[in-house]
Amino acid sequence: MDHLSAADLRKLAEAREREEAAKRREEAAIKLAELKAKRRAVEAEYRKTLRAIDREIEALKGKQGGSGRKQWSVSEVVTTMLAKTDTMTTTDIRNGLNQQKIKASNLSQTLTYLKRRGRIEQVKRGVYRLAGQS
């Protein structure tokens, strides 16, 4: 080493720094892979635990029985409501569903489905009646 010039020593030092940086990157990549695997394992265990809890909740809901009333679909409730009246606006239908504590987040899709099936008719914009009523 005594016979190397300053430029040669700098090149050796730079090469050594590159090797050490590469080694640190390799160690970091290994550690990253280990941590990602650990994270996947923890997430899998978390999902498994949540599924078990959800099953218990559903089992308890089923055993309680509630009012013994059949759960109706939004489509069935809408057609039942329209059967009781001549025409209803979309707002009236939504309010009726809300009174029955039925979530109607996709009411427009339900109405379109019922129209295509021929179960309801659109009298004008936002006003519906049961199919066959005049």
N, C-alpha and C. Protein backbone atom coordinates (compact mmCIF):
# COMPACT_ATOMS: atom_id res chain seq x y z
N MET A 1 0.81 -1.18 0.00
CA MET A 1 0.00 0.00 0.00
C MET A 1 0.86 1.26 0.00
N ASP A 2 2.06 1.15 0.46
CA ASP A 2 2.92 2.32 0.52
C ASP A 2 3.28 2.83 -0.88
N HIS A 3 3.25 1.94 -1.85
CA HIS A 3 3.67 2.35 -3.19
C HIS A 3 2.51 2.87 -4.04
N LEU A 4 1.26 2.98 -3.49
CA LEU A 4 0.10 3.47 -4.26
C LEU A 4 0.03 5.00 -4.20
N SER A 5 -0.41 5.56 -5.29
CA SER A 5 -0.56 7.02 -5.34
C SER A 5 -1.87 7.42 -4.68
N ALA A 6 -2.03 8.70 -4.48
CA ALA A 6 -3.25 9.23 -3.85
C ALA A 6 -4.48 8.91 -4.70
N ALA A 7 -4.35 8.96 -6.01
CA ALA A 7 -5.46 8.65 -6.92
C ALA A 7 -5.84 7.18 -6.78
N ASP A 8 -4.82 6.31 -6.69
CA ASP A 8 -5.09 4.88 -6.54
C ASP A 8 -5.78 4.60 -5.21
N LEU A 9 -5.30 5.28 -4.15
CA LEU A 9 -5.92 5.10 -2.83
C LEU A 9 -7.38 5.57 -2.84
N ARG A 10 -7.64 6.68 -3.53
CA ARG A 10 -9.01 7.18 -3.63
C ARG A 10 -9.88 6.18 -4.38
N LYS A 11 -9.36 5.60 -5.46
CA LYS A 11 -10.12 4.61 -6.22
C LYS A 11 -10.43 3.39 -5.36
N LEU A 12 -9.43 2.95 -4.58
CA LEU A 12 -9.65 1.81 -3.68
C LEU A 12 -10.72 2.14 -2.64
N ALA A 13 -10.65 3.35 -2.10
CA ALA A 13 -11.61 3.76 -1.09
C ALA A 13 -13.03 3.84 -1.68
N GLU A 14 -13.14 4.37 -2.88
CA GLU A 14 -14.43 4.45 -3.54
C GLU A 14 -14.99 3.07 -3.84
N ALA A 15 -14.11 2.15 -4.29
CA ALA A 15 -14.54 0.78 -4.57
C ALA A 15 -15.05 0.11 -3.29
N ARG A 16 -14.32 0.35 -2.22
CA ARG A 16 -14.72 -0.25 -0.94
C ARG A 16 -16.07 0.34 -0.48
N GLU A 17 -16.27 1.64 -0.66
CA GLU A 17 -17.54 2.27 -0.30
C GLU A 17 -18.68 1.68 -1.13
N ARG A 18 -18.45 1.46 -2.42
CA ARG A 18 -19.48 0.87 -3.28
C ARG A 18 -19.81 -0.54 -2.82
N GLU A 19 -18.77 -1.32 -2.46
CA GLU A 19 -19.00 -2.68 -1.97
C GLU A 19 -19.81 -2.67 -0.68
N GLU A 20 -19.43 -1.76 0.23
CA GLU A 20 -20.16 -1.67 1.50
C GLU A 20 -21.60 -1.21 1.28
N ALA A 21 -21.81 -0.27 0.35
CA ALA A 21 -23.17 0.20 0.05
C ALA A 21 -23.99 -0.94 -0.56
N ALA A 22 -23.37 -1.72 -1.45
CA ALA A 22 -24.07 -2.85 -2.05
C ALA A 22 -24.43 -3.88 -0.98
N LYS A 23 -23.52 -4.10 -0.05
CA LYS A 23 -23.77 -5.05 1.04
C LYS A 23 -24.92 -4.55 1.92
N ARG A 24 -24.94 -3.24 2.21
CA ARG A 24 -26.03 -2.68 3.02
C ARG A 24 -27.37 -2.80 2.29
N ARG A 25 -27.36 -2.56 0.97
CA ARG A 25 -28.60 -2.69 0.19
C ARG A 25 -29.09 -4.14 0.20
N GLU A 26 -28.15 -5.08 0.07
CA GLU A 26 -28.50 -6.49 0.08
C GLU A 26 -29.09 -6.88 1.44
N GLU A 27 -28.45 -6.41 2.52
CA GLU A 27 -28.97 -6.71 3.87
C GLU A 27 -30.34 -6.08 4.07
N ALA A 28 -30.51 -4.86 3.57
CA ALA A 28 -31.81 -4.19 3.68
C ALA A 28 -32.88 -4.94 2.90
N ALA A 29 -32.54 -5.45 1.71
CA ALA A 29 -33.49 -6.20 0.90
C ALA A 29 -33.91 -7.48 1.61
N ILE A 30 -32.95 -8.15 2.24
CA ILE A 30 -33.27 -9.38 2.99
C ILE A 30 -34.19 -9.04 4.16
N LYS A 31 -33.85 -7.99 4.90
CA LYS A 31 -34.67 -7.58 6.04
C LYS A 31 -36.07 -7.17 5.58
N LEU A 32 -36.15 -6.47 4.45
CA LEU A 32 -37.44 -6.06 3.89
C LEU A 32 -38.29 -7.28 3.54
N ALA A 33 -37.69 -8.26 2.90
CA ALA A 33 -38.41 -9.49 2.55
C ALA A 33 -38.92 -10.20 3.80
N GLU A 34 -38.08 -10.25 4.85
CA GLU A 34 -38.49 -10.88 6.11
C GLU A 34 -39.67 -10.13 6.73
N LEU A 35 -39.59 -8.80 6.74
CA LEU A 35 -40.67 -8.00 7.32
C LEU A 35 -41.97 -8.14 6.53
N LYS A 36 -41.87 -8.19 5.21
CA LYS A 36 -43.07 -8.36 4.38
C LYS A 36 -43.71 -9.72 4.65
N ALA A 37 -42.89 -10.76 4.79
CA ALA A 37 -43.42 -12.08 5.10
C ALA A 37 -44.10 -12.08 6.47
N LYS A 38 -43.47 -11.40 7.43
CA LYS A 38 -44.06 -11.31 8.76
C LYS A 38 -45.39 -10.56 8.71
N ARG A 39 -45.44 -9.49 7.93
CA ARG A 39 -46.67 -8.71 7.79
C ARG A 39 -47.78 -9.57 7.18
N ARG A 40 -47.46 -10.34 6.13
CA ARG A 40 -48.46 -11.21 5.52
C ARG A 40 -49.00 -12.21 6.52
N ALA A 41 -48.13 -12.75 7.34
CA ALA A 41 -48.56 -13.72 8.35
C ALA A 41 -49.49 -13.06 9.38
N VAL A 42 -49.14 -11.86 9.81
CA VAL A 42 -49.97 -11.15 10.78
C VAL A 42 -51.33 -10.81 10.16
N GLU A 43 -51.33 -10.35 8.91
CA GLU A 43 -52.59 -10.03 8.24
C GLU A 43 -53.46 -11.27 8.08
N ALA A 44 -52.85 -12.40 7.74
CA ALA A 44 -53.61 -13.65 7.58
C ALA A 44 -54.25 -14.04 8.92
N GLU A 45 -53.49 -13.94 9.99
CA GLU A 45 -54.02 -14.27 11.31
C GLU A 45 -55.14 -13.30 11.70
N TYR A 46 -54.97 -12.03 11.37
CA TYR A 46 -55.98 -11.01 11.64
C TYR A 46 -57.28 -11.34 10.90
N ARG A 47 -57.18 -11.65 9.60
CA ARG A 47 -58.37 -11.99 8.82
C ARG A 47 -59.04 -13.25 9.36
N LYS A 48 -58.23 -14.21 9.77
CA LYS A 48 -58.78 -15.45 10.33
C LYS A 48 -59.56 -15.15 11.60
N THR A 49 -58.99 -14.31 12.46
CA THR A 49 -59.66 -13.94 13.71
C THR A 49 -60.94 -13.18 13.43
N LEU A 50 -60.91 -12.24 12.49
CA LEU A 50 -62.11 -11.49 12.14
C LEU A 50 -63.21 -12.40 11.60
N ARG A 51 -62.84 -13.36 10.75
CA ARG A 51 -63.84 -14.30 10.23
C ARG A 51 -64.48 -15.09 11.36
N ALA A 52 -63.68 -15.52 12.31
CA ALA A 52 -64.22 -16.27 13.45
C ALA A 52 -65.18 -15.41 14.25
N ILE A 53 -64.83 -14.16 14.48
CA ILE A 53 -65.71 -13.25 15.22
C ILE A 53 -66.99 -13.00 14.44
N ASP A 54 -66.87 -12.78 13.13
CA ASP A 54 -68.05 -12.56 12.29
C ASP A 54 -68.99 -13.77 12.32
N ARG A 55 -68.42 -14.97 12.30
CA ARG A 55 -69.24 -16.19 12.38
C ARG A 55 -70.00 -16.24 13.70
N GLU A 56 -69.32 -15.88 14.78
CA GLU A 56 -69.97 -15.87 16.09
C GLU A 56 -71.11 -14.85 16.12
N ILE A 57 -70.86 -13.68 15.55
CA ILE A 57 -71.89 -12.63 15.51
C ILE A 57 -73.09 -13.12 14.72
N GLU A 58 -72.85 -13.69 13.54
CA GLU A 58 -73.95 -14.19 12.72
C GLU A 58 -74.71 -15.31 13.42
N ALA A 59 -73.99 -16.17 14.12
CA ALA A 59 -74.65 -17.25 14.85
C ALA A 59 -75.55 -16.68 15.94
N LEU A 60 -75.08 -15.66 16.63
CA LEU A 60 -75.90 -15.04 17.67
C LEU A 60 -77.11 -14.33 17.08
N LYS A 61 -76.93 -13.69 15.97
CA LYS A 61 -78.06 -13.02 15.31
C LYS A 61 -79.11 -14.04 14.93
N GLY A 62 -78.67 -15.16 14.39
CA GLY A 62 -79.59 -16.21 13.96
C GLY A 62 -80.32 -16.83 15.14
N LYS A 63 -79.67 -16.98 16.27
CA LYS A 63 -80.28 -17.61 17.44
C LYS A 63 -81.26 -16.69 18.14
N GLN A 64 -81.04 -15.38 18.04
CA GLN A 64 -81.93 -14.44 18.72
C GLN A 64 -83.30 -14.42 18.07
N GLY A 65 -83.34 -14.58 16.79
CA GLY A 65 -84.62 -14.67 16.11
C GLY A 65 -85.29 -13.35 15.81
N GLY A 66 -85.06 -12.34 16.57
CA GLY A 66 -85.67 -11.04 16.32
C GLY A 66 -87.17 -11.10 16.38
N SER A 67 -87.86 -10.47 15.43
CA SER A 67 -89.32 -10.41 15.44
C SER A 67 -89.93 -11.60 14.72
N GLY A 68 -89.11 -12.45 14.14
CA GLY A 68 -89.63 -13.58 13.39
C GLY A 68 -90.13 -13.19 12.01
N ARG A 69 -89.90 -11.95 11.65
CA ARG A 69 -90.36 -11.40 10.38
C ARG A 69 -89.41 -11.77 9.26
N LYS A 70 -89.95 -12.07 8.09
CA LYS A 70 -89.14 -12.39 6.92
C LYS A 70 -88.42 -11.13 6.44
N GLN A 71 -87.18 -11.28 6.03
CA GLN A 71 -86.44 -10.15 5.46
C GLN A 71 -86.87 -10.00 4.00
N TRP A 72 -87.36 -8.86 3.65
CA TRP A 72 -87.82 -8.60 2.30
C TRP A 72 -86.73 -7.88 1.52
N SER A 73 -86.72 -8.14 0.23
CA SER A 73 -85.77 -7.41 -0.61
C SER A 73 -86.34 -6.03 -0.89
N VAL A 74 -85.49 -5.12 -1.29
CA VAL A 74 -85.93 -3.76 -1.60
C VAL A 74 -86.94 -3.81 -2.74
N SER A 75 -86.72 -4.68 -3.72
CA SER A 75 -87.65 -4.79 -4.85
C SER A 75 -89.05 -5.19 -4.38
N GLU A 76 -89.12 -6.16 -3.48
CA GLU A 76 -90.43 -6.61 -2.98
C GLU A 76 -91.13 -5.50 -2.21
N VAL A 77 -90.38 -4.77 -1.40
CA VAL A 77 -90.98 -3.69 -0.61
C VAL A 77 -91.47 -2.58 -1.53
N VAL A 78 -90.70 -2.24 -2.55
CA VAL A 78 -91.10 -1.17 -3.48
C VAL A 78 -92.38 -1.57 -4.21
N THR A 79 -92.46 -2.79 -4.71
CA THR A 79 -93.67 -3.21 -5.43
C THR A 79 -94.88 -3.26 -4.49
N THR A 80 -94.66 -3.66 -3.25
CA THR A 80 -95.75 -3.67 -2.26
C THR A 80 -96.23 -2.25 -1.99
N MET A 81 -95.31 -1.32 -1.86
CA MET A 81 -95.68 0.08 -1.63
C MET A 81 -96.45 0.64 -2.82
N LEU A 82 -96.01 0.32 -4.03
CA LEU A 82 -96.68 0.83 -5.22
C LEU A 82 -98.06 0.19 -5.40
N ALA A 83 -98.23 -1.02 -4.91
CA ALA A 83 -99.53 -1.69 -5.02
C ALA A 83 -100.57 -1.00 -4.15
N LYS A 84 -100.14 -0.33 -3.10
CA LYS A 84 -101.07 0.32 -2.16
C LYS A 84 -101.50 1.71 -2.61
N THR A 85 -100.86 2.25 -3.62
CA THR A 85 -101.17 3.61 -4.05
C THR A 85 -101.16 3.67 -5.58
N ASP A 86 -101.67 4.76 -6.11
CA ASP A 86 -101.74 4.92 -7.55
C ASP A 86 -100.36 5.14 -8.15
N THR A 87 -99.69 6.20 -7.71
CA THR A 87 -98.32 6.50 -8.17
C THR A 87 -97.51 6.99 -6.98
N MET A 88 -96.20 6.86 -7.12
CA MET A 88 -95.29 7.35 -6.08
C MET A 88 -94.07 7.97 -6.74
N THR A 89 -93.57 9.03 -6.11
CA THR A 89 -92.33 9.62 -6.58
C THR A 89 -91.15 8.87 -5.96
N THR A 90 -90.01 9.10 -6.52
CA THR A 90 -88.80 8.48 -5.98
C THR A 90 -88.60 8.89 -4.52
N THR A 91 -88.88 10.15 -4.21
CA THR A 91 -88.75 10.63 -2.83
C THR A 91 -89.70 9.90 -1.90
N ASP A 92 -90.95 9.71 -2.36
CA ASP A 92 -91.93 8.98 -1.54
C ASP A 92 -91.47 7.54 -1.29
N ILE A 93 -90.95 6.92 -2.32
CA ILE A 93 -90.47 5.53 -2.18
C ILE A 93 -89.32 5.48 -1.19
N ARG A 94 -88.37 6.40 -1.34
CA ARG A 94 -87.22 6.43 -0.43
C ARG A 94 -87.66 6.67 1.01
N ASN A 95 -88.59 7.60 1.20
CA ASN A 95 -89.10 7.88 2.55
C ASN A 95 -89.81 6.66 3.13
N GLY A 96 -90.58 5.97 2.31
CA GLY A 96 -91.26 4.76 2.77
C GLY A 96 -90.28 3.68 3.18
N LEU A 97 -89.20 3.54 2.41
CA LEU A 97 -88.18 2.55 2.76
C LEU A 97 -87.48 2.96 4.06
N ASN A 98 -87.19 4.24 4.20
CA ASN A 98 -86.54 4.72 5.43
C ASN A 98 -87.42 4.48 6.65
N GLN A 99 -88.73 4.67 6.51
CA GLN A 99 -89.65 4.42 7.62
C GLN A 99 -89.62 2.96 8.05
N GLN A 100 -89.40 2.07 7.08
CA GLN A 100 -89.32 0.64 7.39
C GLN A 100 -87.90 0.22 7.75
N LYS A 101 -87.02 1.22 7.87
CA LYS A 101 -85.61 1.00 8.23
C LYS A 101 -84.91 0.08 7.23
N ILE A 102 -85.22 0.31 5.95
CA ILE A 102 -84.59 -0.45 4.87
C ILE A 102 -83.63 0.49 4.16
N LYS A 103 -82.38 0.06 4.03
CA LYS A 103 -81.36 0.87 3.39
C LYS A 103 -81.62 0.87 1.88
N ALA A 104 -81.73 2.04 1.31
CA ALA A 104 -82.04 2.17 -0.12
C ALA A 104 -80.96 2.95 -0.83
N SER A 105 -79.72 2.55 -0.64
CA SER A 105 -78.61 3.29 -1.24
C SER A 105 -78.57 3.14 -2.75
N ASN A 106 -79.18 2.09 -3.29
CA ASN A 106 -79.15 1.87 -4.74
C ASN A 106 -80.58 1.84 -5.29
N LEU A 107 -81.42 2.75 -4.83
CA LEU A 107 -82.82 2.79 -5.22
C LEU A 107 -82.98 2.97 -6.72
N SER A 108 -82.20 3.84 -7.33
CA SER A 108 -82.35 4.06 -8.78
C SER A 108 -82.07 2.78 -9.55
N GLN A 109 -81.11 2.00 -9.11
CA GLN A 109 -80.82 0.73 -9.77
C GLN A 109 -81.98 -0.25 -9.58
N THR A 110 -82.57 -0.26 -8.40
CA THR A 110 -83.70 -1.14 -8.13
C THR A 110 -84.88 -0.77 -9.01
N LEU A 111 -85.16 0.52 -9.12
CA LEU A 111 -86.27 0.97 -9.97
C LEU A 111 -86.04 0.61 -11.42
N THR A 112 -84.82 0.79 -11.89
CA THR A 112 -84.49 0.42 -13.27
C THR A 112 -84.68 -1.08 -13.48
N TYR A 113 -84.25 -1.87 -12.53
CA TYR A 113 -84.41 -3.33 -12.61
C TYR A 113 -85.89 -3.70 -12.68
N LEU A 114 -86.70 -3.10 -11.83
CA LEU A 114 -88.13 -3.41 -11.82
C LEU A 114 -88.81 -2.97 -13.12
N LYS A 115 -88.37 -1.83 -13.68
CA LYS A 115 -88.92 -1.37 -14.97
C LYS A 115 -88.59 -2.38 -16.07
N ARG A 116 -87.34 -2.82 -16.13
CA ARG A 116 -86.92 -3.75 -17.17
C ARG A 116 -87.62 -5.10 -17.05
N ARG A 117 -87.95 -5.49 -15.84
CA ARG A 117 -88.66 -6.75 -15.60
C ARG A 117 -90.16 -6.62 -15.86
N GLY A 118 -90.63 -5.38 -16.10
CA GLY A 118 -92.04 -5.16 -16.37
C GLY A 118 -92.91 -5.17 -15.13
N ARG A 119 -92.31 -5.02 -13.96
CA ARG A 119 -93.09 -5.04 -12.72
C ARG A 119 -93.61 -3.65 -12.36
N ILE A 120 -92.91 -2.60 -12.81
CA ILE A 120 -93.38 -1.24 -12.58
C ILE A 120 -93.27 -0.46 -13.88
N GLU A 121 -93.96 0.67 -13.93
CA GLU A 121 -93.90 1.56 -15.09
C GLU A 121 -93.51 2.94 -14.61
N GLN A 122 -92.81 3.66 -15.47
CA GLN A 122 -92.45 5.04 -15.16
C GLN A 122 -93.48 5.95 -15.83
N VAL A 123 -94.26 6.65 -15.02
CA VAL A 123 -95.31 7.53 -15.53
C VAL A 123 -94.67 8.77 -16.15
N LYS A 124 -93.77 9.37 -15.42
CA LYS A 124 -92.95 10.49 -15.90
C LYS A 124 -91.69 10.49 -15.07
N ARG A 125 -90.85 11.47 -15.27
CA ARG A 125 -89.57 11.48 -14.58
C ARG A 125 -89.76 11.48 -13.06
N GLY A 126 -89.24 10.42 -12.42
CA GLY A 126 -89.28 10.33 -10.97
C GLY A 126 -90.61 9.86 -10.41
N VAL A 127 -91.57 9.46 -11.26
CA VAL A 127 -92.88 9.01 -10.80
C VAL A 127 -93.12 7.62 -11.36
N TYR A 128 -93.51 6.69 -10.46
CA TYR A 128 -93.67 5.29 -10.84
C TYR A 128 -95.01 4.76 -10.36
N ARG A 129 -95.47 3.69 -11.04
CA ARG A 129 -96.66 2.97 -10.62
C ARG A 129 -96.45 1.49 -10.92
N LEU A 130 -97.27 0.67 -10.30
CA LEU A 130 -97.20 -0.76 -10.53
C LEU A 130 -97.63 -1.03 -11.97
N ALA A 131 -96.99 -1.95 -12.62
CA ALA A 131 -97.30 -2.25 -14.02
C ALA A 131 -98.74 -2.73 -14.14
N GLY A 132 -99.43 -2.25 -15.17
CA GLY A 132 -100.80 -2.66 -15.40
C GLY A 132 -101.84 -1.77 -14.77
N GLN A 133 -101.43 -0.86 -13.88
CA GLN A 133 -102.38 0.07 -13.28
C GLN A 133 -102.60 1.24 -14.23
N SER A 134 -103.78 1.76 -14.25
CA SER A 134 -104.04 2.92 -15.11
C SER A 134 -104.60 4.06 -14.34
